[in-house]
Amino acid sequence: MSVLTKLATALNRRDEIPNQALAEEIVKKHDVSAVRELVDNLSDPDKGIQSDCIKVLYEIGQRDPKLIATIARYLGNCWAVPTIDLFGVQ
């Protein structure tokens, strides 16, 4: 079963309890495939799914940093933003 069905957005919930419960479940099972699915859906067209995936990954990191350490390099590359020198004169 997909972890997406357990996200707060999928359950039409506006609180974080489903996302926190999902994170606890993933940590308890040490479910690397669930972590991978969350990362894969960070670019989902639905902003609610994106947000919930970020929240669950955050909660996993709080509980078991090693479980998301394998994706840290990937996330760094995804979110790399070019540096702009706002005070430089060209």
PDB file of N, CA and C in Angstrom:
ATOM      1  N   MET A   1       0.844  -1.185   0.000  1.00  0.00           N
ATOM      2  CA  MET A   1       0.000   0.000   0.000  1.00  0.00           C
ATOM      3  C   MET A   1       0.890   1.249   0.000  1.00  0.00           C
ATOM      4  N   SER A   2       0.507   2.202  -0.779  1.00  0.00           N
ATOM      5  CA  SER A   2       1.246   3.451  -0.918  1.00  0.00           C
ATOM      6  C   SER A   2       1.150   4.281   0.365  1.00  0.00           C
ATOM      7  N   VAL A   3       2.248   4.934   0.716  1.00  0.00           N
ATOM      8  CA  VAL A   3       2.221   5.818   1.880  1.00  0.00           C
ATOM      9  C   VAL A   3       1.386   7.064   1.603  1.00  0.00           C
ATOM     10  N   LEU A   4       1.188   7.375   0.331  1.00  0.00           N
ATOM     11  CA  LEU A   4       0.421   8.576  -0.018  1.00  0.00           C
ATOM     12  C   LEU A   4      -1.008   8.516   0.503  1.00  0.00           C
ATOM     13  N   THR A   5      -1.557   7.322   0.613  1.00  0.00           N
ATOM     14  CA  THR A   5      -2.933   7.190   1.097  1.00  0.00           C
ATOM     15  C   THR A   5      -3.056   7.479   2.588  1.00  0.00           C
ATOM     16  N   LYS A   6      -1.910   7.538   3.272  1.00  0.00           N
ATOM     17  CA  LYS A   6      -1.905   7.771   4.718  1.00  0.00           C
ATOM     18  C   LYS A   6      -1.555   9.210   5.077  1.00  0.00           C
ATOM     19  N   LEU A   7      -1.275  10.029   4.080  1.00  0.00           N
ATOM     20  CA  LEU A   7      -0.955  11.437   4.332  1.00  0.00           C
ATOM     21  C   LEU A   7      -2.204  12.195   4.761  1.00  0.00           C
ATOM     22  N   ALA A   8      -2.016  13.257   5.528  1.00  0.00           N
ATOM     23  CA  ALA A   8      -3.134  14.074   6.005  1.00  0.00           C
ATOM     24  C   ALA A   8      -3.990  14.568   4.836  1.00  0.00           C
ATOM     25  N   THR A   9      -3.352  14.975   3.753  1.00  0.00           N
ATOM     26  CA  THR A   9      -4.081  15.469   2.586  1.00  0.00           C
ATOM     27  C   THR A   9      -5.017  14.405   2.019  1.00  0.00           C
ATOM     28  N   ALA A  10      -4.522  13.181   1.904  1.00  0.00           N
ATOM     29  CA  ALA A  10      -5.329  12.090   1.353  1.00  0.00           C
ATOM     30  C   ALA A  10      -6.506  11.743   2.264  1.00  0.00           C
ATOM     31  N   LEU A  11      -6.336  11.996   3.545  1.00  0.00           N
ATOM     32  CA  LEU A  11      -7.387  11.701   4.521  1.00  0.00           C
ATOM     33  C   LEU A  11      -8.295  12.903   4.767  1.00  0.00           C
ATOM     34  N   ASN A  12      -8.102  13.960   3.985  1.00  0.00           N
ATOM     35  CA  ASN A  12      -8.868  15.204   4.140  1.00  0.00           C
ATOM     36  C   ASN A  12      -8.768  15.763   5.556  1.00  0.00           C
ATOM     37  N   ARG A  13      -7.559  15.698   6.104  1.00  0.00           N
ATOM     38  CA  ARG A  13      -7.314  16.223   7.441  1.00  0.00           C
ATOM     39  C   ARG A  13      -6.470  17.472   7.328  1.00  0.00           C
ATOM     40  N   ARG A  14      -6.704  18.413   8.215  1.00  0.00           N
ATOM     41  CA  ARG A  14      -5.944  19.654   8.206  1.00  0.00           C
ATOM     42  C   ARG A  14      -4.943  19.721   9.350  1.00  0.00           C
ATOM     43  N   ASP A  15      -4.867  18.647  10.133  1.00  0.00           N
ATOM     44  CA  ASP A  15      -3.913  18.591  11.232  1.00  0.00           C
ATOM     45  C   ASP A  15      -2.735  17.702  10.837  1.00  0.00           C
ATOM     46  N   GLU A  16      -1.727  17.669  11.667  1.00  0.00           N
ATOM     47  CA  GLU A  16      -0.500  16.924  11.364  1.00  0.00           C
ATOM     48  C   GLU A  16      -0.464  15.531  11.979  1.00  0.00           C
ATOM     49  N   ILE A  17      -1.489  15.148  12.711  1.00  0.00           N
ATOM     50  CA  ILE A  17      -1.475  13.861  13.406  1.00  0.00           C
ATOM     51  C   ILE A  17      -1.293  12.684  12.452  1.00  0.00           C
ATOM     52  N   PRO A  18      -1.991  12.628  11.291  1.00  0.00           N
ATOM     53  CA  PRO A  18      -1.746  11.501  10.384  1.00  0.00           C
ATOM     54  C   PRO A  18      -0.307  11.445   9.869  1.00  0.00           C
ATOM     55  N   ASN A  19       0.286  12.587   9.601  1.00  0.00           N
ATOM     56  CA  ASN A  19       1.669  12.626   9.118  1.00  0.00           C
ATOM     57  C   ASN A  19       2.642  12.175  10.201  1.00  0.00           C
ATOM     58  N   GLN A  20       2.391  12.569  11.433  1.00  0.00           N
ATOM     59  CA  GLN A  20       3.240  12.146  12.539  1.00  0.00           C
ATOM     60  C   GLN A  20       3.109  10.649  12.788  1.00  0.00           C
ATOM     61  N   ALA A  21       1.885  10.134  12.703  1.00  0.00           N
ATOM     62  CA  ALA A  21       1.658   8.695  12.884  1.00  0.00           C
ATOM     63  C   ALA A  21       2.341   7.896  11.773  1.00  0.00           C
ATOM     64  N   LEU A  22       2.279   8.409  10.558  1.00  0.00           N
ATOM     65  CA  LEU A  22       2.936   7.738   9.433  1.00  0.00           C
ATOM     66  C   LEU A  22       4.444   7.713   9.645  1.00  0.00           C
ATOM     67  N   ALA A  23       5.007   8.811  10.090  1.00  0.00           N
ATOM     68  CA  ALA A  23       6.445   8.861  10.363  1.00  0.00           C
ATOM     69  C   ALA A  23       6.830   7.830  11.420  1.00  0.00           C
ATOM     70  N   GLU A  24       6.041   7.738  12.471  1.00  0.00           N
ATOM     71  CA  GLU A  24       6.319   6.754  13.529  1.00  0.00           C
ATOM     72  C   GLU A  24       6.279   5.333  12.973  1.00  0.00           C
ATOM     73  N   GLU A  25       5.293   5.056  12.127  1.00  0.00           N
ATOM     74  CA  GLU A  25       5.159   3.731  11.524  1.00  0.00           C
ATOM     75  C   GLU A  25       6.363   3.401  10.636  1.00  0.00           C
ATOM     76  N   ILE A  26       6.790   4.364   9.840  1.00  0.00           N
ATOM     77  CA  ILE A  26       7.931   4.164   8.942  1.00  0.00           C
ATOM     78  C   ILE A  26       9.204   3.919   9.742  1.00  0.00           C
ATOM     79  N   VAL A  27       9.397   4.670  10.808  1.00  0.00           N
ATOM     80  CA  VAL A  27      10.585   4.504  11.649  1.00  0.00           C
ATOM     81  C   VAL A  27      10.548   3.140  12.335  1.00  0.00           C
ATOM     82  N   LYS A  28       9.405   2.775  12.857  1.00  0.00           N
ATOM     83  CA  LYS A  28       9.275   1.504  13.564  1.00  0.00           C
ATOM     84  C   LYS A  28       9.620   0.324  12.647  1.00  0.00           C
ATOM     85  N   LYS A  29       9.189   0.404  11.380  1.00  0.00           N
ATOM     86  CA  LYS A  29       9.443  -0.671  10.414  1.00  0.00           C
ATOM     87  C   LYS A  29      10.776  -0.508   9.698  1.00  0.00           C
ATOM     88  N   HIS A  30      11.441   0.626   9.924  1.00  0.00           N
ATOM     89  CA  HIS A  30      12.664   0.983   9.191  1.00  0.00           C
ATOM     90  C   HIS A  30      12.426   0.797   7.686  1.00  0.00           C
ATOM     91  N   ASP A  31      11.352   1.427   7.208  1.00  0.00           N
ATOM     92  CA  ASP A  31      10.847   1.236   5.844  1.00  0.00           C
ATOM     93  C   ASP A  31      11.511   2.206   4.859  1.00  0.00           C
ATOM     94  N   VAL A  32      12.631   1.773   4.303  1.00  0.00           N
ATOM     95  CA  VAL A  32      13.387   2.606   3.373  1.00  0.00           C
ATOM     96  C   VAL A  32      12.591   2.860   2.097  1.00  0.00           C
ATOM     97  N   SER A  33      11.799   1.896   1.652  1.00  0.00           N
ATOM     98  CA  SER A  33      11.010   2.098   0.426  1.00  0.00           C
ATOM     99  C   SER A  33       9.954   3.176   0.630  1.00  0.00           C
ATOM    100  N   ALA A  34       9.414   3.294   1.832  1.00  0.00           N
ATOM    101  CA  ALA A  34       8.445   4.357   2.123  1.00  0.00           C
ATOM    102  C   ALA A  34       9.133   5.724   2.085  1.00  0.00           C
ATOM    103  N   VAL A  35      10.349   5.780   2.617  1.00  0.00           N
ATOM    104  CA  VAL A  35      11.117   7.031   2.564  1.00  0.00           C
ATOM    105  C   VAL A  35      11.363   7.410   1.109  1.00  0.00           C
ATOM    106  N   ARG A  36      11.736   6.434   0.306  1.00  0.00           N
ATOM    107  CA  ARG A  36      11.990   6.687  -1.116  1.00  0.00           C
ATOM    108  C   ARG A  36      10.716   7.195  -1.806  1.00  0.00           C
ATOM    109  N   GLU A  37       9.577   6.612  -1.464  1.00  0.00           N
ATOM    110  CA  GLU A  37       8.313   7.063  -2.063  1.00  0.00           C
ATOM    111  C   GLU A  37       7.995   8.499  -1.672  1.00  0.00           C
ATOM    112  N   LEU A  38       8.261   8.851  -0.427  1.00  0.00           N
ATOM    113  CA  LEU A  38       8.036  10.232   0.013  1.00  0.00           C
ATOM    114  C   LEU A  38       8.922  11.194  -0.763  1.00  0.00           C
ATOM    115  N   VAL A  39      10.178  10.840  -0.933  1.00  0.00           N
ATOM    116  CA  VAL A  39      11.107  11.691  -1.676  1.00  0.00           C
ATOM    117  C   VAL A  39      10.668  11.820  -3.128  1.00  0.00           C
ATOM    118  N   ASP A  40      10.251  10.709  -3.723  1.00  0.00           N
ATOM    119  CA  ASP A  40       9.804  10.735  -5.122  1.00  0.00           C
ATOM    120  C   ASP A  40       8.601  11.651  -5.327  1.00  0.00           C
ATOM    121  N   ASN A  41       7.818  11.838  -4.277  1.00  0.00           N
ATOM    122  CA  ASN A  41       6.606  12.653  -4.404  1.00  0.00           C
ATOM    123  C   ASN A  41       6.783  14.091  -3.934  1.00  0.00           C
ATOM    124  N   LEU A  42       8.019  14.494  -3.680  1.00  0.00           N
ATOM    125  CA  LEU A  42       8.269  15.898  -3.346  1.00  0.00           C
ATOM    126  C   LEU A  42       7.976  16.806  -4.530  1.00  0.00           C
ATOM    127  N   SER A  43       7.947  16.239  -5.713  1.00  0.00           N
ATOM    128  CA  SER A  43       7.644  17.029  -6.908  1.00  0.00           C
ATOM    129  C   SER A  43       6.252  16.740  -7.450  1.00  0.00           C
ATOM    130  N   ASP A  44       5.403  16.143  -6.637  1.00  0.00           N
ATOM    131  CA  ASP A  44       4.022  15.878  -7.050  1.00  0.00           C
ATOM    132  C   ASP A  44       3.330  17.195  -7.403  1.00  0.00           C
ATOM    133  N   PRO A  45       2.472  17.192  -8.415  1.00  0.00           N
ATOM    134  CA  PRO A  45       1.771  18.433  -8.780  1.00  0.00           C
ATOM    135  C   PRO A  45       0.876  18.985  -7.664  1.00  0.00           C
ATOM    136  N   ASP A  46       0.427  18.112  -6.778  1.00  0.00           N
ATOM    137  CA  ASP A  46      -0.444  18.526  -5.672  1.00  0.00           C
ATOM    138  C   ASP A  46       0.420  19.092  -4.541  1.00  0.00           C
ATOM    139  N   LYS A  47       0.273  20.368  -4.263  1.00  0.00           N
ATOM    140  CA  LYS A  47       1.079  21.034  -3.233  1.00  0.00           C
ATOM    141  C   LYS A  47       0.821  20.443  -1.842  1.00  0.00           C
ATOM    142  N   GLY A  48      -0.380  19.940  -1.603  1.00  0.00           N
ATOM    143  CA  GLY A  48      -0.694  19.315  -0.317  1.00  0.00           C
ATOM    144  C   GLY A  48       0.123  18.054  -0.115  1.00  0.00           C
ATOM    145  N   ILE A  49       0.263  17.262  -1.162  1.00  0.00           N
ATOM    146  CA  ILE A  49       1.082  16.047  -1.077  1.00  0.00           C
ATOM    147  C   ILE A  49       2.536  16.425  -0.869  1.00  0.00           C
ATOM    148  N   GLN A  50       3.015  17.423  -1.604  1.00  0.00           N
ATOM    149  CA  GLN A  50       4.399  17.879  -1.420  1.00  0.00           C
ATOM    150  C   GLN A  50       4.645  18.270   0.035  1.00  0.00           C
ATOM    151  N   SER A  51       3.763  19.069   0.563  1.00  0.00           N
ATOM    152  CA  SER A  51       3.897  19.567   1.923  1.00  0.00           C
ATOM    153  C   SER A  51       3.872  18.427   2.940  1.00  0.00           C
ATOM    154  N   ASP A  52       2.948  17.501   2.759  1.00  0.00           N
ATOM    155  CA  ASP A  52       2.855  16.370   3.682  1.00  0.00           C
ATOM    156  C   ASP A  52       4.085  15.475   3.598  1.00  0.00           C
ATOM    157  N   CYS A  53       4.616  15.273   2.409  1.00  0.00           N
ATOM    158  CA  CYS A  53       5.824  14.466   2.257  1.00  0.00           C
ATOM    159  C   CYS A  53       6.993  15.112   2.992  1.00  0.00           C
ATOM    160  N   ILE A  54       7.111  16.425   2.872  1.00  0.00           N
ATOM    161  CA  ILE A  54       8.162  17.150   3.588  1.00  0.00           C
ATOM    162  C   ILE A  54       7.976  16.987   5.094  1.00  0.00           C
ATOM    163  N   LYS A  55       6.752  17.133   5.558  1.00  0.00           N
ATOM    164  CA  LYS A  55       6.468  17.011   6.990  1.00  0.00           C
ATOM    165  C   LYS A  55       6.810  15.618   7.500  1.00  0.00           C
ATOM    166  N   VAL A  56       6.425  14.581   6.766  1.00  0.00           N
ATOM    167  CA  VAL A  56       6.708  13.211   7.202  1.00  0.00           C
ATOM    168  C   VAL A  56       8.215  12.962   7.206  1.00  0.00           C
ATOM    169  N   LEU A  57       8.912  13.422   6.179  1.00  0.00           N
ATOM    170  CA  LEU A  57      10.368  13.267   6.149  1.00  0.00           C
ATOM    171  C   LEU A  57      11.014  13.995   7.328  1.00  0.00           C
ATOM    172  N   TYR A  58      10.522  15.164   7.647  1.00  0.00           N
ATOM    173  CA  TYR A  58      11.022  15.914   8.808  1.00  0.00           C
ATOM    174  C   TYR A  58      10.820  15.113  10.091  1.00  0.00           C
ATOM    175  N   GLU A  59       9.604  14.586  10.255  1.00  0.00           N
ATOM    176  CA  GLU A  59       9.281  13.815  11.456  1.00  0.00           C
ATOM    177  C   GLU A  59      10.140  12.549  11.543  1.00  0.00           C
ATOM    178  N   ILE A  60      10.400  11.913  10.411  1.00  0.00           N
ATOM    179  CA  ILE A  60      11.275  10.742  10.393  1.00  0.00           C
ATOM    180  C   ILE A  60      12.673  11.150  10.842  1.00  0.00           C
ATOM    181  N   GLY A  61      13.154  12.269  10.321  1.00  0.00           N
ATOM    182  CA  GLY A  61      14.475  12.761  10.689  1.00  0.00           C
ATOM    183  C   GLY A  61      14.592  13.082  12.168  1.00  0.00           C
ATOM    184  N   GLN A  62      13.534  13.549  12.768  1.00  0.00           N
ATOM    185  CA  GLN A  62      13.544  13.832  14.205  1.00  0.00           C
ATOM    186  C   GLN A  62      13.653  12.543  15.021  1.00  0.00           C
ATOM    187  N   ARG A  63      13.031  11.485  14.528  1.00  0.00           N
ATOM    188  CA  ARG A  63      12.985  10.221  15.256  1.00  0.00           C
ATOM    189  C   ARG A  63      14.179   9.304  14.954  1.00  0.00           C
ATOM    190  N   ASP A  64      14.620   9.292  13.705  1.00  0.00           N
ATOM    191  CA  ASP A  64      15.703   8.402  13.279  1.00  0.00           C
ATOM    192  C   ASP A  64      16.468   9.047  12.121  1.00  0.00           C
ATOM    193  N   PRO A  65      17.383   9.945  12.435  1.00  0.00           N
ATOM    194  CA  PRO A  65      18.108  10.667  11.379  1.00  0.00           C
ATOM    195  C   PRO A  65      18.814   9.757  10.378  1.00  0.00           C
ATOM    196  N   LYS A  66      19.272   8.610  10.840  1.00  0.00           N
ATOM    197  CA  LYS A  66      19.983   7.702   9.936  1.00  0.00           C
ATOM    198  C   LYS A  66      19.076   7.184   8.821  1.00  0.00           C
ATOM    199  N   LEU A  67      17.792   7.091   9.084  1.00  0.00           N
ATOM    200  CA  LEU A  67      16.864   6.583   8.085  1.00  0.00           C
ATOM    201  C   LEU A  67      16.739   7.521   6.886  1.00  0.00           C
ATOM    202  N   ILE A  68      16.887   8.811   7.107  1.00  0.00           N
ATOM    203  CA  ILE A  68      16.814   9.742   5.980  1.00  0.00           C
ATOM    204  C   ILE A  68      18.186  10.246   5.542  1.00  0.00           C
ATOM    205  N   ALA A  69      19.229   9.829   6.240  1.00  0.00           N
ATOM    206  CA  ALA A  69      20.581  10.272   5.878  1.00  0.00           C
ATOM    207  C   ALA A  69      20.943   9.851   4.464  1.00  0.00           C
ATOM    208  N   THR A  70      20.424   8.720   4.020  1.00  0.00           N
ATOM    209  CA  THR A  70      20.748   8.233   2.682  1.00  0.00           C
ATOM    210  C   THR A  70      20.191   9.131   1.592  1.00  0.00           C
ATOM    211  N   ILE A  71      19.171   9.912   1.918  1.00  0.00           N
ATOM    212  CA  ILE A  71      18.575  10.788   0.908  1.00  0.00           C
ATOM    213  C   ILE A  71      19.063  12.224   1.024  1.00  0.00           C
ATOM    214  N   ALA A  72      19.857  12.514   2.022  1.00  0.00           N
ATOM    215  CA  ALA A  72      20.285  13.893   2.260  1.00  0.00           C
ATOM    216  C   ALA A  72      21.002  14.491   1.063  1.00  0.00           C
ATOM    217  N   ARG A  73      21.882  13.734   0.440  1.00  0.00           N
ATOM    218  CA  ARG A  73      22.618  14.247  -0.720  1.00  0.00           C
ATOM    219  C   ARG A  73      21.652  14.551  -1.859  1.00  0.00           C
ATOM    220  N   TYR A  74      20.681  13.656  -2.072  1.00  0.00           N
ATOM    221  CA  TYR A  74      19.688  13.860  -3.122  1.00  0.00           C
ATOM    222  C   TYR A  74      18.897  15.134  -2.860  1.00  0.00           C
ATOM    223  N   LEU A  75      18.464  15.327  -1.629  1.00  0.00           N
ATOM    224  CA  LEU A  75      17.676  16.517  -1.290  1.00  0.00           C
ATOM    225  C   LEU A  75      18.500  17.780  -1.473  1.00  0.00           C
ATOM    226  N   GLY A  76      19.764  17.716  -1.108  1.00  0.00           N
ATOM    227  CA  GLY A  76      20.632  18.873  -1.290  1.00  0.00           C
ATOM    228  C   GLY A  76      20.735  19.263  -2.747  1.00  0.00           C
ATOM    229  N   ASN A  77      20.830  18.276  -3.630  1.00  0.00           N
ATOM    230  CA  ASN A  77      20.907  18.552  -5.061  1.00  0.00           C
ATOM    231  C   ASN A  77      19.580  19.068  -5.607  1.00  0.00           C
ATOM    232  N   CYS A  78      18.479  18.552  -5.084  1.00  0.00           N
ATOM    233  CA  CYS A  78      17.156  18.985  -5.550  1.00  0.00           C
ATOM    234  C   CYS A  78      16.889  20.444  -5.231  1.00  0.00           C
ATOM    235  N   TRP A  79      17.306  20.838  -4.058  1.00  0.00           N
ATOM    236  CA  TRP A  79      16.949  22.162  -3.578  1.00  0.00           C
ATOM    237  C   TRP A  79      18.089  23.159  -3.690  1.00  0.00           C
ATOM    238  N   ALA A  80      19.117  22.795  -4.419  1.00  0.00           N
ATOM    239  CA  ALA A  80      20.245  23.710  -4.580  1.00  0.00           C
ATOM    240  C   ALA A  80      19.770  24.958  -5.315  1.00  0.00           C
ATOM    241  N   VAL A  81      20.051  26.080  -4.748  1.00  0.00           N
ATOM    242  CA  VAL A  81      19.649  27.358  -5.330  1.00  0.00           C
ATOM    243  C   VAL A  81      20.912  28.153  -5.603  1.00  0.00           C
ATOM    244  N   PRO A  82      21.038  28.687  -6.791  1.00  0.00           N
ATOM    245  CA  PRO A  82      22.239  29.479  -7.072  1.00  0.00           C
ATOM    246  C   PRO A  82      22.337  30.678  -6.133  1.00  0.00           C
ATOM    247  N   THR A  83      23.541  30.981  -5.717  1.00  0.00           N
ATOM    248  CA  THR A  83      23.777  32.115  -4.841  1.00  0.00           C
ATOM    249  C   THR A  83      23.817  33.395  -5.666  1.00  0.00           C
ATOM    250  N   ILE A  84      23.167  34.411  -5.176  1.00  0.00           N
ATOM    251  CA  ILE A  84      23.139  35.697  -5.874  1.00  0.00           C
ATOM    252  C   ILE A  84      23.779  36.728  -4.955  1.00  0.00           C
ATOM    253  N   ASP A  85      24.731  37.450  -5.486  1.00  0.00           N
ATOM    254  CA  ASP A  85      25.380  38.517  -4.730  1.00  0.00           C
ATOM    255  C   ASP A  85      24.534  39.777  -4.900  1.00  0.00           C
ATOM    256  N   LEU A  86      23.730  40.069  -3.897  1.00  0.00           N
ATOM    257  CA  LEU A  86      22.825  41.214  -3.986  1.00  0.00           C
ATOM    258  C   LEU A  86      23.543  42.560  -3.916  1.00  0.00           C
ATOM    259  N   PHE A  87      24.779  42.553  -3.387  1.00  0.00           N
ATOM    260  CA  PHE A  87      25.485  43.799  -3.202  1.00  0.00           C
ATOM    261  C   PHE A  87      26.613  43.989  -4.210  1.00  0.00           C
ATOM    262  N   GLY A  88      26.786  42.997  -5.073  1.00  0.00           N
ATOM    263  CA  GLY A  88      27.861  43.084  -6.051  1.00  0.00           C
ATOM    264  C   GLY A  88      27.514  44.071  -7.157  1.00  0.00           C
ATOM    265  N   VAL A  89      28.514  44.707  -7.654  1.00  0.00           N
ATOM    266  CA  VAL A  89      28.328  45.653  -8.765  1.00  0.00           C
ATOM    267  C   VAL A  89      28.925  44.989 -10.007  1.00  0.00           C
ATOM    268  N   GLN A  90      28.155  44.917 -11.044  1.00  0.00           N
ATOM    269  CA  GLN A  90      28.604  44.273 -12.281  1.00  0.00           C
ATOM    270  C   GLN A  90      29.036  45.307 -13.270  1.00  0.00           C
TER     271      GLN A  90
END
